[in-house]
C-alpha atoms as a PDB file:
ATOM      1  CA  GLU A   1      -0.009  -0.038  -0.099  1.00  0.00           C
ATOM      2  CA  LEU A   2       2.981   2.428   0.659  1.00  0.00           C
ATOM      3  CA  ARG A   3       4.633   2.082  -2.508  1.00  0.00           C
ATOM      4  CA  GLY A   4       4.218   4.926  -5.115  1.00  0.00           C
ATOM      5  CA  LEU A   5       4.123   7.853  -2.705  1.00  0.00           C
ATOM      6  CA  ASP A   6       5.172  11.242  -3.948  1.00  0.00           C
ATOM      7  CA  ASN A   7       9.087  11.868  -3.474  1.00  0.00           C
ATOM      8  CA  LEU A   8       9.631   8.517  -1.967  1.00  0.00           C
ATOM      9  CA  LYS A   9      13.236   7.699  -2.045  1.00  0.00           C
ATOM     10  CA  LYS A  10      13.661   4.448  -0.332  1.00  0.00           C
ATOM     11  CA  ILE A  11      11.427   2.141   1.523  1.00  0.00           C
ATOM     12  CA  SER A  12      12.399  -0.790   3.871  1.00  0.00           C
ATOM     13  CA  SER A  13      10.749  -2.943   6.488  1.00  0.00           C
ATOM     14  CA  THR A  14      11.694  -5.053   9.750  1.00  0.00           C
ATOM     15  CA  ALA A  15       9.626  -7.812  11.066  1.00  0.00           C
ATOM     16  CA  ALA A  16      10.146  -9.688  14.319  1.00  0.00           C
ATOM     17  CA  GLU A  17       7.938 -11.622  16.767  1.00  0.00           C
ATOM     18  CA  GLY A  18       5.367  -9.144  18.179  1.00  0.00           C
ATOM     19  CA  TYR A  19       6.520  -6.275  16.034  1.00  0.00           C
ATOM     20  CA  ALA A  20       6.712  -4.809  12.456  1.00  0.00           C
ATOM     21  CA  GLY A  21       7.856  -1.577  11.124  1.00  0.00           C
ATOM     22  CA  ILE A  22       8.198   0.205   7.883  1.00  0.00           C
ATOM     23  CA  VAL A  23      10.750   3.110   7.267  1.00  0.00           C
ATOM     24  CA  ARG A  24      10.247   5.521   4.499  1.00  0.00           C
ATOM     25  CA  GLU A  25      12.866   7.928   3.307  1.00  0.00           C
ATOM     26  CA  PHE A  26      11.636  10.849   1.243  1.00  0.00           C
ATOM     27  CA  GLU A  27      13.491  13.274  -1.097  1.00  0.00           C
ATOM     28  CA  PHE A  28      14.423  16.794  -0.083  1.00  0.00           C
ATOM     29  CA  GLY A  29      11.571  19.142  -0.215  1.00  0.00           C
ATOM     30  CA  TRP A  30       8.771  16.735   0.383  1.00  0.00           C
ATOM     31  CA  ASP A  31       5.327  18.028   1.461  1.00  0.00           C
ATOM     32  CA  LYS A  32       5.130  16.788   5.244  1.00  0.00           C
ATOM     33  CA  THR A  33       1.345  17.429   5.756  1.00  0.00           C
ATOM     34  CA  ALA A  34       0.105  15.815   2.279  1.00  0.00           C
ATOM     35  CA  ILE A  35       2.364  12.819   2.677  1.00  0.00           C
ATOM     36  CA  LEU A  36       1.619  12.121   6.326  1.00  0.00           C
ATOM     37  CA  ALA A  37      -2.143  12.374   5.473  1.00  0.00           C
ATOM     38  CA  ASP A  38      -1.602   9.893   2.481  1.00  0.00           C
ATOM     39  CA  VAL A  39       0.491   7.522   4.516  1.00  0.00           C
ATOM     40  CA  ARG A  40      -2.341   7.532   7.354  1.00  0.00           C
ATOM     41  CA  ASP A  41      -5.070   6.824   4.841  1.00  0.00           C
ATOM     42  CA  ARG A  42      -2.999   4.023   2.983  1.00  0.00           C
ATOM     43  CA  VAL A  43      -2.057   2.200   6.390  1.00  0.00           C
ATOM     44  CA  THR A  44      -5.808   2.586   7.359  1.00  0.00           C
ATOM     45  CA  LYS A  45      -6.622   0.513   4.056  1.00  0.00           C
ATOM     46  CA  ALA A  46      -4.005  -2.022   4.920  1.00  0.00           C
ATOM     47  CA  GLU A  47      -5.249  -2.358   8.428  1.00  0.00           C
ATOM     48  CA  ALA A  48      -8.076  -4.811   7.332  1.00  0.00           C
ATOM     49  CA  SER A  49      -5.307  -7.451   6.694  1.00  0.00           C
ATOM     50  CA  VAL A  50      -3.615  -7.106   9.807  1.00  0.00           C
ATOM     51  CA  PRO A  51      -3.927 -10.199  12.167  1.00  0.00           C
ATOM     52  CA  ASP A  52      -6.451  -9.988  15.022  1.00  0.00           C
ATOM     53  CA  GLY A  53      -4.912  -8.911  18.419  1.00  0.00           C
ATOM     54  CA  ALA A  54      -2.397  -6.231  16.916  1.00  0.00           C
ATOM     55  CA  GLU A  55      -2.181  -3.172  18.585  1.00  0.00           C
ATOM     56  CA  GLN A  56      -3.063   0.304  16.963  1.00  0.00           C
ATOM     57  CA  TYR A  57      -0.276   1.566  14.497  1.00  0.00           C
ATOM     58  CA  SER A  58       1.656   4.576  15.007  1.00  0.00           C
ATOM     59  CA  ILE A  59       3.203   6.970  12.531  1.00  0.00           C
ATOM     60  CA  ASN A  60       6.442   8.756  13.644  1.00  0.00           C
ATOM     61  CA  GLU A  61       8.548  11.153  12.050  1.00  0.00           C
ATOM     62  CA  ILE A  62      12.467  10.893  12.474  1.00  0.00           C
ATOM     63  CA  ASN A  63      14.330  13.999  12.427  1.00  0.00           C
ATOM     64  CA  PHE A  64      18.074  13.449  12.236  1.00  0.00           C
ATOM     65  CA  SER A  65      18.949  16.919  13.488  1.00  0.00           C
ATOM     66  CA  GLU A  66      17.720  15.674  16.860  1.00  0.00           C
ATOM     67  CA  PHE A  67      20.072  12.658  16.992  1.00  0.00           C
ATOM     68  CA  PRO A  68      22.857  12.984  19.665  1.00  0.00           C
ATOM     69  CA  ILE A  69      26.169  14.871  18.590  1.00  0.00           C
ATOM     70  CA  LEU A  70      28.124  13.251  21.427  1.00  0.00           C
ATOM     71  CA  VAL A  71      27.695  10.481  23.995  1.00  0.00           C
ATOM     72  CA  VAL A  72      29.397  10.610  27.356  1.00  0.00           C
ATOM     73  CA  SER A  73      29.948   7.259  28.910  1.00  0.00           C
ATOM     74  CA  LEU A  74      30.501   6.459  32.695  1.00  0.00           C
ATOM     75  CA  SER A  75      31.729   3.056  33.740  1.00  0.00           C
ATOM     76  CA  GLY A  76      33.897   1.589  36.593  1.00  0.00           C
ATOM     77  CA  ALA A  77      33.917  -0.678  39.612  1.00  0.00           C
ATOM     78  CA  VAL A  78      31.482   1.559  41.697  1.00  0.00           C
ATOM     79  CA  PRO A  79      28.082   0.950  42.950  1.00  0.00           C
ATOM     80  CA  GLU A  80      25.118   1.313  40.344  1.00  0.00           C
ATOM     81  CA  ARG A  81      23.424   3.939  42.699  1.00  0.00           C
ATOM     82  CA  SER A  82      26.747   6.088  42.912  1.00  0.00           C
ATOM     83  CA  LEU A  83      27.527   6.018  39.012  1.00  0.00           C
ATOM     84  CA  LEU A  84      23.811   6.964  38.490  1.00  0.00           C
ATOM     85  CA  ARG A  85      24.027   9.943  40.941  1.00  0.00           C
ATOM     86  CA  VAL A  86      27.224  11.115  39.357  1.00  0.00           C
ATOM     87  CA  ALA A  87      25.494  10.742  35.844  1.00  0.00           C
ATOM     88  CA  LYS A  88      22.465  12.712  36.910  1.00  0.00           C
ATOM     89  CA  ASP A  89      24.898  15.619  38.291  1.00  0.00           C
ATOM     90  CA  ILE A  90      26.755  15.747  34.896  1.00  0.00           C
ATOM     91  CA  GLN A  91      23.220  15.761  33.008  1.00  0.00           C
ATOM     92  CA  SER A  92      22.123  18.674  35.230  1.00  0.00           C
ATOM     93  CA  GLU A  93      25.282  20.733  34.331  1.00  0.00           C
ATOM     94  CA  ILE A  94      25.352  19.759  30.535  1.00  0.00           C
ATOM     95  CA  GLU A  95      21.770  20.533  30.135  1.00  0.00           C
ATOM     96  CA  SER A  96      22.237  24.077  31.705  1.00  0.00           C
ATOM     97  CA  LEU A  97      24.442  24.960  28.499  1.00  0.00           C
ATOM     98  CA  PRO A  98      22.338  27.226  26.244  1.00  0.00           C
ATOM     99  CA  ALA A  99      23.537  25.370  23.160  1.00  0.00           C
ATOM    100  CA  VAL A 100      22.341  21.847  24.494  1.00  0.00           C
ATOM    101  CA  LEU A 101      18.697  20.624  23.998  1.00  0.00           C
ATOM    102  CA  GLU A 102      18.770  17.581  26.082  1.00  0.00           C
ATOM    103  CA  ALA A 103      21.189  14.907  27.487  1.00  0.00           C
ATOM    104  CA  GLY A 104      19.247  11.814  27.781  1.00  0.00           C
ATOM    105  CA  LEU A 105      20.186   8.956  30.135  1.00  0.00           C
ATOM    106  CA  ALA A 106      20.635   5.409  28.822  1.00  0.00           C
ATOM    107  CA  GLY A 107      21.784   2.183  30.274  1.00  0.00           C
ATOM    108  CA  HIS A 108      20.437   3.098  33.729  1.00  0.00           C
ATOM    109  CA  ARG A 109      17.865   1.959  36.189  1.00  0.00           C
ATOM    110  CA  ASP A 110      15.571   4.130  37.909  1.00  0.00           C
ATOM    111  CA  GLU A 111      15.686   3.892  41.856  1.00  0.00           C
ATOM    112  CA  MET A 112      12.462   2.692  43.477  1.00  0.00           C
ATOM    113  CA  LEU A 113      11.146   1.538  46.837  1.00  0.00           C
ATOM    114  CA  GLU A 114      10.210  -2.235  47.104  1.00  0.00           C
ATOM    115  CA  VAL A 115       7.564  -3.176  49.831  1.00  0.00           C
ATOM    116  CA  LEU A 116       7.596  -6.704  50.589  1.00  0.00           C
ATOM    117  CA  VAL A 117       4.176  -7.600  52.361  1.00  0.00           C
ATOM    118  CA  ASP A 118       4.261 -10.541  54.973  1.00  0.00           C
ATOM    119  CA  PRO A 119       0.870 -12.299  54.556  1.00  0.00           C
ATOM    120  CA  LEU A 120       1.015 -13.871  58.019  1.00  0.00           C
ATOM    121  CA  LYS A 121       1.348 -10.443  59.553  1.00  0.00           C
ATOM    122  CA  LEU A 122      -1.422  -9.063  57.297  1.00  0.00           C
ATOM    123  CA  GLU A 123      -3.635 -11.996  58.722  1.00  0.00           C
ATOM    124  CA  SER A 124      -2.739 -11.415  62.232  1.00  0.00           C
ATOM    125  CA  TYR A 125      -3.522  -7.838  62.214  1.00  0.00           C
ATOM    126  CA  ASN A 126      -6.676  -8.432  60.227  1.00  0.00           C
ATOM    127  CA  VAL A 127      -5.649  -6.116  57.232  1.00  0.00           C
ATOM    128  CA  THR A 128      -6.454  -6.892  53.757  1.00  0.00           C
ATOM    129  CA  ALA A 129      -4.083  -5.942  50.734  1.00  0.00           C
ATOM    130  CA  ASP A 130      -6.643  -3.647  49.365  1.00  0.00           C
ATOM    131  CA  GLU A 131      -6.688  -1.571  52.650  1.00  0.00           C
ATOM    132  CA  LEU A 132      -2.955  -1.441  52.589  1.00  0.00           C
ATOM    133  CA  ILE A 133      -2.789  -0.065  48.968  1.00  0.00           C
ATOM    134  CA  ASN A 134      -5.621   2.486  49.627  1.00  0.00           C
ATOM    135  CA  VAL A 135      -3.641   3.875  52.651  1.00  0.00           C
ATOM    136  CA  VAL A 136      -0.415   4.175  50.797  1.00  0.00           C
ATOM    137  CA  SER A 137      -2.227   5.872  47.646  1.00  0.00           C
ATOM    138  CA  ARG A 138      -4.163   8.263  50.033  1.00  0.00           C
ATOM    139  CA  ASN A 139      -1.094   9.410  51.892  1.00  0.00           C
ATOM    140  CA  ASN A 140       1.384   9.950  48.904  1.00  0.00           C
ATOM    141  CA  GLN A 141      -0.271  13.060  47.269  1.00  0.00           C
ATOM    142  CA  LEU A 142      -0.418  16.955  47.375  1.00  0.00           C
ATOM    143  CA  ILE A 143      -3.474  18.063  49.244  1.00  0.00           C
ATOM    144  CA  ALA A 144      -5.267  21.236  48.096  1.00  0.00           C
ATOM    145  CA  ALA A 145      -5.792  23.706  51.162  1.00  0.00           C
ATOM    146  CA  GLY A 146      -7.566  26.597  49.506  1.00  0.00           C
ATOM    147  CA  GLU A 147      -6.288  30.200  48.598  1.00  0.00           C
ATOM    148  CA  VAL A 148      -4.752  33.029  50.395  1.00  0.00           C
ATOM    149  CA  ASP A 149      -5.856  36.471  49.197  1.00  0.00           C
ATOM    150  CA  THR A 150      -3.393  39.444  49.538  1.00  0.00           C
ATOM    151  CA  ALA A 151      -3.040  42.981  48.182  1.00  0.00           C
ATOM    152  CA  SER A 152      -0.871  41.595  45.349  1.00  0.00           C
ATOM    153  CA  GLY A 153      -3.203  38.948  44.499  1.00  0.00           C
ATOM    154  CA  ALA A 154      -4.351  35.337  45.334  1.00  0.00           C
ATOM    155  CA  PHE A 155      -2.273  32.255  45.337  1.00  0.00           C
ATOM    156  CA  SER A 156      -3.263  28.689  45.975  1.00  0.00           C
ATOM    157  CA  VAL A 157      -1.919  26.731  49.161  1.00  0.00           C
ATOM    158  CA  LYS A 158      -0.806  22.964  48.692  1.00  0.00           C
ATOM    159  CA  ILE A 159       0.149  20.794  51.687  1.00  0.00           C
ATOM    160  CA  PRO A 160       2.743  18.329  50.367  1.00  0.00           C
ATOM    161  CA  GLY A 161       1.924  14.756  51.637  1.00  0.00           C
ATOM    162  CA  SER A 162       4.183  12.826  49.241  1.00  0.00           C
ATOM    163  CA  PHE A 163       6.751  10.307  50.665  1.00  0.00           C
ATOM    164  CA  GLU A 164      10.504  11.742  50.830  1.00  0.00           C
ATOM    165  CA  THR A 165      12.252   8.861  52.788  1.00  0.00           C
ATOM    166  CA  THR A 166      11.819   5.202  53.535  1.00  0.00           C
ATOM    167  CA  GLN A 167      10.822   6.037  57.093  1.00  0.00           C
ATOM    168  CA  ASP A 168       7.818   8.139  56.019  1.00  0.00           C
ATOM    169  CA  ILE A 169       6.254   4.912  54.358  1.00  0.00           C
ATOM    170  CA  MET A 170       7.188   2.801  57.379  1.00  0.00           C
ATOM    171  CA  ASP A 171       5.418   5.356  59.755  1.00  0.00           C
ATOM    172  CA  VAL A 172       2.208   5.449  57.703  1.00  0.00           C
ATOM    173  CA  PRO A 173      -0.798   4.292  59.916  1.00  0.00           C
ATOM    174  CA  VAL A 174      -2.828   1.421  58.536  1.00  0.00           C
ATOM    175  CA  LYS A 175      -5.139   0.345  61.485  1.00  0.00           C
ATOM    176  CA  VAL A 176      -5.829   1.163  65.108  1.00  0.00           C
ATOM    177  CA  ASN A 177      -5.617  -2.107  67.184  1.00  0.00           C
ATOM    178  CA  GLY A 178      -6.779  -1.242  70.550  1.00  0.00           C
ATOM    179  CA  ASP A 179      -4.333   1.168  72.149  1.00  0.00           C
ATOM    180  CA  SER A 180      -1.703   0.411  69.402  1.00  0.00           C
ATOM    181  CA  ILE A 181      -1.435   1.664  65.905  1.00  0.00           C
ATOM    182  CA  VAL A 182      -0.461  -0.690  63.125  1.00  0.00           C
ATOM    183  CA  THR A 183       2.012   0.830  60.599  1.00  0.00           C
ATOM    184  CA  ILE A 184       3.310  -0.321  57.335  1.00  0.00           C
ATOM    185  CA  GLY A 185       6.681  -0.986  59.016  1.00  0.00           C
ATOM    186  CA  ASP A 186       4.924  -3.521  61.180  1.00  0.00           C
ATOM    187  CA  ILE A 187       3.547  -5.745  58.223  1.00  0.00           C
ATOM    188  CA  ALA A 188       6.054  -5.229  55.498  1.00  0.00           C
ATOM    189  CA  GLU A 189       9.653  -5.048  54.685  1.00  0.00           C
ATOM    190  CA  ILE A 190      10.546  -1.817  52.786  1.00  0.00           C
ATOM    191  CA  ARG A 191      13.904  -1.542  50.857  1.00  0.00           C
ATOM    192  CA  LEU A 192      15.586   0.905  48.471  1.00  0.00           C
ATOM    193  CA  THR A 193      16.269  -0.931  45.047  1.00  0.00           C
ATOM    194  CA  PHE A 194      16.044  -0.465  41.102  1.00  0.00           C
ATOM    195  CA  GLU A 195      13.363  -1.016  38.650  1.00  0.00           C
ATOM    196  CA  ASP A 196      13.663  -3.891  36.285  1.00  0.00           C
ATOM    197  CA  ARG A 197      16.133  -3.305  33.435  1.00  0.00           C
ATOM    198  CA  GLU A 198      14.641  -2.314  30.169  1.00  0.00           C
ATOM    199  CA  GLY A 199      17.960  -1.852  28.221  1.00  0.00           C
ATOM    200  CA  THR A 200      21.771  -1.726  28.488  1.00  0.00           C
ATOM    201  CA  ALA A 201      24.541   0.342  27.334  1.00  0.00           C
ATOM    202  CA  ARG A 202      28.115  -0.827  26.818  1.00  0.00           C
ATOM    203  CA  PHE A 203      31.397   1.153  26.080  1.00  0.00           C
ATOM    204  CA  ASN A 204      34.121  -1.348  24.989  1.00  0.00           C
ATOM    205  CA  GLY A 205      32.232  -4.391  26.132  1.00  0.00           C
ATOM    206  CA  GLU A 206      31.811  -2.747  29.876  1.00  0.00           C
ATOM    207  CA  PRO A 207      28.302  -1.787  31.186  1.00  0.00           C
ATOM    208  CA  THR A 208      27.872   1.827  31.452  1.00  0.00           C
ATOM    209  CA  VAL A 209      25.573   4.796  31.937  1.00  0.00           C
ATOM    210  CA  ALA A 210      25.535   6.966  28.838  1.00  0.00           C
ATOM    211  CA  LEU A 211      24.376  10.679  28.182  1.00  0.00           C
ATOM    212  CA  GLN A 212      23.168  11.201  24.802  1.00  0.00           C
ATOM    213  CA  VAL A 213      23.756  15.038  24.259  1.00  0.00           C
ATOM    214  CA  VAL A 214      21.480  16.680  21.582  1.00  0.00           C
ATOM    215  CA  LYS A 215      22.153  20.310  20.608  1.00  0.00           C
ATOM    216  CA  ARG A 216      19.520  22.932  19.806  1.00  0.00           C
ATOM    217  CA  LYS A 217      18.740  23.569  16.028  1.00  0.00           C
ATOM    218  CA  GLY A 218      21.151  26.216  14.519  1.00  0.00           C
ATOM    219  CA  GLU A 219      23.940  25.741  17.126  1.00  0.00           C
ATOM    220  CA  ASN A 220      27.473  25.276  16.204  1.00  0.00           C
ATOM    221  CA  VAL A 221      28.213  21.682  16.566  1.00  0.00           C
ATOM    222  CA  ILE A 222      31.943  22.076  17.042  1.00  0.00           C
ATOM    223  CA  GLN A 223      31.614  24.795  19.787  1.00  0.00           C
ATOM    224  CA  THR A 224      28.780  22.850  21.560  1.00  0.00           C
ATOM    225  CA  VAL A 225      31.021  19.524  21.735  1.00  0.00           C
ATOM    226  CA  ALA A 226      33.754  21.677  23.247  1.00  0.00           C
ATOM    227  CA  GLN A 227      31.627  23.277  25.642  1.00  0.00           C
ATOM    228  CA  VAL A 228      30.215  19.801  26.841  1.00  0.00           C
ATOM    229  CA  ARG A 229      33.853  18.308  27.217  1.00  0.00           C
ATOM    230  CA  GLU A 230      34.990  21.245  29.232  1.00  0.00           C
ATOM    231  CA  THR A 231      31.967  21.091  31.448  1.00  0.00           C
ATOM    232  CA  VAL A 232      32.562  17.448  32.079  1.00  0.00           C
ATOM    233  CA  GLU A 233      36.218  17.761  32.817  1.00  0.00           C
ATOM    234  CA  ASN A 234      35.547  20.622  35.310  1.00  0.00           C
ATOM    235  CA  LEU A 235      32.914  18.691  37.022  1.00  0.00           C
ATOM    236  CA  ARG A 236      35.178  15.905  37.172  1.00  0.00           C
ATOM    237  CA  ALA A 237      37.937  17.867  38.739  1.00  0.00           C
ATOM    238  CA  THR A 238      35.671  18.498  41.557  1.00  0.00           C
ATOM    239  CA  TRP A 239      35.196  14.747  42.508  1.00  0.00           C
ATOM    240  CA  PRO A 240      37.036  13.022  45.125  1.00  0.00           C
ATOM    241  CA  THR A 241      40.263  11.522  44.315  1.00  0.00           C
ATOM    242  CA  GLU A 242      38.938   7.855  44.775  1.00  0.00           C
ATOM    243  CA  LEU A 243      35.970   8.596  42.596  1.00  0.00           C
ATOM    244  CA  GLN A 244      38.107  10.090  39.895  1.00  0.00           C
ATOM    245  CA  GLN A 245      40.140   6.969  39.938  1.00  0.00           C
ATOM    246  CA  ALA A 246      37.094   4.621  39.985  1.00  0.00           C
ATOM    247  CA  VAL A 247      34.806   6.332  37.279  1.00  0.00           C
ATOM    248  CA  ASN A 248      36.115   6.259  33.577  1.00  0.00           C
ATOM    249  CA  VAL A 249      34.620   8.901  31.523  1.00  0.00           C
ATOM    250  CA  ASN A 250      34.833   8.498  27.812  1.00  0.00           C
ATOM    251  CA  PHE A 251      33.353  10.354  24.845  1.00  0.00           C
ATOM    252  CA  SER A 252      32.195   8.555  21.689  1.00  0.00           C
ATOM    253  CA  MET A 253      29.997   9.325  18.557  1.00  0.00           C
ATOM    254  CA  ASP A 254      31.593  12.779  18.285  1.00  0.00           C
ATOM    255  CA  THR A 255      30.044  14.386  15.310  1.00  0.00           C
ATOM    256  CA  SER A 256      32.126  17.565  15.473  1.00  0.00           C
ATOM    257  CA  SER A 257      35.222  15.563  14.017  1.00  0.00           C
ATOM    258  CA  GLU A 258      33.263  15.071  10.914  1.00  0.00           C
ATOM    259  CA  VAL A 259      32.533  18.843  10.654  1.00  0.00           C
ATOM    260  CA  ALA A 260      35.985  19.859  11.482  1.00  0.00           C
ATOM    261  CA  ALA A 261      37.328  17.327   8.772  1.00  0.00           C
ATOM    262  CA  MET A 262      34.959  19.114   6.299  1.00  0.00           C
ATOM    263  CA  VAL A 263      35.924  22.616   7.284  1.00  0.00           C
ATOM    264  CA  SER A 264      39.858  21.485   7.097  1.00  0.00           C
ATOM    265  CA  GLN A 265      39.210  20.025   3.716  1.00  0.00           C
ATOM    266  CA  LEU A 266      37.632  23.405   2.560  1.00  0.00           C
ATOM    267  CA  GLU A 267      40.647  25.340   3.962  1.00  0.00           C
ATOM    268  CA  GLY A 268      43.011  22.945   2.115  1.00  0.00           C
ATOM    269  CA  ALA A 269      40.868  23.333  -1.172  1.00  0.00           C
ATOM    270  CA  VAL A 270      41.027  27.200  -0.825  1.00  0.00           C
ATOM    271  CA  LEU A 271      44.843  27.134  -0.249  1.00  0.00           C
ATOM    272  CA  THR A 272      45.323  24.951  -3.120  1.00  0.00           C
ATOM    273  CA  ALA A 273      43.193  27.096  -5.503  1.00  0.00           C
ATOM    274  CA  ILE A 274      45.040  30.189  -4.436  1.00  0.00           C
ATOM    275  CA  CYS A 275      48.537  28.491  -5.055  1.00  0.00           C
ATOM    276  CA  LEU A 276      47.688  27.037  -8.302  1.00  0.00           C
ATOM    277  CA  VAL A 277      46.031  30.188  -9.632  1.00  0.00           C
ATOM    278  CA  MET A 278      48.841  32.457  -8.525  1.00  0.00           C
ATOM    279  CA  ILE A 279      51.348  30.111 -10.255  1.00  0.00           C
ATOM    280  CA  VAL A 280      49.328  30.178 -13.545  1.00  0.00           C
ATOM    281  CA  VAL A 281      48.721  33.906 -13.493  1.00  0.00           C
ATOM    282  CA  LEU A 282      52.289  34.534 -12.563  1.00  0.00           C
ATOM    283  CA  ALA A 283      53.546  32.650 -15.541  1.00  0.00           C
ATOM    284  CA  SER A 284      51.276  34.336 -17.890  1.00  0.00           C
ATOM    285  CA  LEU A 285      50.429  37.884 -16.597  1.00  0.00           C
ATOM    286  CA  GLY A 286      53.363  38.676 -14.208  1.00  0.00           C
ATOM    287  CA  PRO A 287      53.698  39.085 -10.386  1.00  0.00           C
ATOM    288  CA  ARG A 288      51.071  42.134  -9.763  1.00  0.00           C
ATOM    289  CA  SER A 289      48.163  40.159 -11.527  1.00  0.00           C
ATOM    290  CA  ALA A 290      49.091  37.016  -9.602  1.00  0.00           C
ATOM    291  CA  LEU A 291      48.940  38.726  -6.217  1.00  0.00           C
ATOM    292  CA  LEU A 292      45.856  40.644  -7.110  1.00  0.00           C
ATOM    293  CA  VAL A 293      43.853  37.258  -8.153  1.00  0.00           C
ATOM    294  CA  GLY A 294      45.342  35.446  -5.274  1.00  0.00           C
ATOM    295  CA  PHE A 295      44.347  38.099  -2.731  1.00  0.00           C
ATOM    296  CA  ALA A 296      40.838  38.147  -4.108  1.00  0.00           C
ATOM    297  CA  ILE A 297      40.027  34.706  -3.165  1.00  0.00           C
ATOM    298  CA  PRO A 298      40.516  34.543   0.708  1.00  0.00           C
ATOM    299  CA  THR A 299      39.315  38.255   1.045  1.00  0.00           C
ATOM    300  CA  SER A 300      35.946  37.152  -0.653  1.00  0.00           C
ATOM    301  CA  PHE A 301      35.638  34.036   1.426  1.00  0.00           C
ATOM    302  CA  LEU A 302      36.365  36.008   4.534  1.00  0.00           C
ATOM    303  CA  LEU A 303      33.673  38.666   3.508  1.00  0.00           C
ATOM    304  CA  CYS A 304      31.306  35.842   2.781  1.00  0.00           C
ATOM    305  CA  PHE A 305      31.619  34.183   6.192  1.00  0.00           C
ATOM    306  CA  ALA A 306      31.124  37.675   7.898  1.00  0.00           C
ATOM    307  CA  LEU A 307      27.873  38.105   5.940  1.00  0.00           C
ATOM    308  CA  LEU A 308      26.803  34.584   6.791  1.00  0.00           C
ATOM    309  CA  ALA A 309      27.412  35.319  10.642  1.00  0.00           C
ATOM    310  CA  LEU A 310      25.607  38.707  10.329  1.00  0.00           C
ATOM    311  CA  PHE A 311      22.505  37.329   8.723  1.00  0.00           C
ATOM    312  CA  GLY A 312      22.578  34.248  11.123  1.00  0.00           C
ATOM    313  CA  ILE A 313      22.955  31.546   8.288  1.00  0.00           C
ATOM    314  CA  SER A 314      24.571  28.260   9.500  1.00  0.00           C
ATOM    315  CA  ILE A 315      27.446  26.628   7.473  1.00  0.00           C
ATOM    316  CA  SER A 316      26.189  23.585   5.844  1.00  0.00           C
ATOM    317  CA  ASN A 317      27.098  21.191   2.884  1.00  0.00           C
ATOM    318  CA  ILE A 318      25.076  23.282   0.589  1.00  0.00           C
ATOM    319  CA  VAL A 319      26.783  26.582   1.571  1.00  0.00           C
ATOM    320  CA  MET A 320      30.233  24.879   1.073  1.00  0.00           C
ATOM    321  CA  PHE A 321      29.302  23.593  -2.200  1.00  0.00           C
ATOM    322  CA  GLY A 322      28.321  26.985  -3.032  1.00  0.00           C
ATOM    323  CA  LEU A 323      31.575  28.457  -2.071  1.00  0.00           C
ATOM    324  CA  ILE A 324      33.288  25.933  -4.302  1.00  0.00           C
ATOM    325  CA  LEU A 325      31.487  26.868  -7.200  1.00  0.00           C
ATOM    326  CA  ALA A 326      31.860  30.620  -6.392  1.00  0.00           C
ATOM    327  CA  VAL A 327      35.745  30.200  -6.537  1.00  0.00           C
ATOM    328  CA  GLY A 328      35.627  29.418 -10.205  1.00  0.00           C
ATOM    329  CA  MET A 329      33.619  32.423 -10.962  1.00  0.00           C
ATOM    330  CA  LEU A 330      35.739  34.655  -8.807  1.00  0.00           C
ATOM    331  CA  VAL A 331      39.045  33.437 -10.300  1.00  0.00           C
ATOM    332  CA  ASP A 332      37.691  33.939 -13.811  1.00  0.00           C
ATOM    333  CA  SER A 333      36.373  37.418 -13.262  1.00  0.00           C
ATOM    334  CA  ALA A 334      39.642  38.426 -11.446  1.00  0.00           C
ATOM    335  CA  ILE A 335      41.653  37.164 -14.310  1.00  0.00           C
ATOM    336  CA  VAL A 336      39.620  38.976 -16.941  1.00  0.00           C
ATOM    337  CA  VAL A 337      39.787  42.233 -15.092  1.00  0.00           C
ATOM    338  CA  ALA A 338      43.548  42.057 -14.382  1.00  0.00           C
ATOM    339  CA  GLU A 339      44.483  41.050 -17.909  1.00  0.00           C
ATOM    340  CA  TYR A 340      42.551  43.974 -19.264  1.00  0.00           C
ATOM    341  CA  ALA A 341      43.853  46.487 -16.868  1.00  0.00           C
ATOM    342  CA  GLU A 342      47.549  45.337 -17.841  1.00  0.00           C
ATOM    343  CA  GLN A 343      46.557  45.905 -21.342  1.00  0.00           C
ATOM    344  CA  ARG A 344      45.252  49.443 -20.631  1.00  0.00           C
ATOM    345  CA  ILE A 345      48.411  50.220 -18.722  1.00  0.00           C
ATOM    346  CA  GLU A 346      50.777  49.265 -21.550  1.00  0.00           C
ATOM    347  CA  ASP A 347      48.575  51.581 -23.573  1.00  0.00           C
ATOM    348  CA  GLY A 348      49.829  54.380 -21.456  1.00  0.00           C
ATOM    349  CA  GLN A 349      47.154  54.888 -18.633  1.00  0.00           C
ATOM    350  CA  GLY A 350      48.031  54.827 -14.877  1.00  0.00           C
ATOM    351  CA  PRO A 351      47.372  51.731 -12.534  1.00  0.00           C
ATOM    352  CA  MET A 352      44.563  53.349 -10.703  1.00  0.00           C
ATOM    353  CA  ARG A 353      42.907  54.508 -13.806  1.00  0.00           C
ATOM    354  CA  ALA A 354      43.532  51.195 -15.515  1.00  0.00           C
ATOM    355  CA  TYR A 355      42.038  49.019 -12.930  1.00  0.00           C
END
């Protein structure tokens, strides 16, 4: 059903037990609204042949600009809780950077309180499981306490009744038994543990807690990665010596290296063009024309980058390709002007007048 969509570049599918996914890649300039509506219409038609019991399908757009530009991995022979606490501290510092959109955690397990109820104690205190659950849910919530009117306005008042420590749960009263009060701590064992693991993250084969750094749209990837690395190193310097030796901090999937390589190639191409043009023009038109043509290339590039920064245009592959095309036009124009000016100088005009 999904074949023949407008601007469809590639389609692929994956099927596994309990799952089926179809990925469609479209050409640049595709009409998002129209194509999503067409996809939804076609999938609805195909839904008639889907086996019974399948869940409702979902259509999601994947934006590669929101993929991580850097992954910070934390590993070492330390307790899982300590590693997670360190990772959350680093996450807070990284997400405080203006250029960073988010730094999502991966390979971790969230902490949870596990309550192990003793059935024999429930029976001995004549408490049912439903009563115990209701007591916990009623005590773990914010309570509205009305409003306070002042000269500057009115604001609502809420009394926090949520649990903050393990002892808060153990002290919750469940039932009054004569002169004594039965609490949750009397009929259950409460301990701090972790949720079941839903995924893993590894670096060089070792289990790790990873932070996936995503930059904001339009931010400089090279500067953002440098700021993240500097922030992590500054925070690591404040750790105790034992923690610095135990926790290994590694960086991977650094996309700034690819961008830096592209910029380096552009610089090399510009320098090569200047040298070759100056050699050719020097051999044919003399040193003055060669210097003029060679000076025009870097000056024009610097002026172009200044205007791009002024108008807030980011440097992308399209911009670099345009600059490479402009070099040929620039050199041709400079050679024509220089050669014509030299001819007028030979006819007796002064250099300023000739150029």
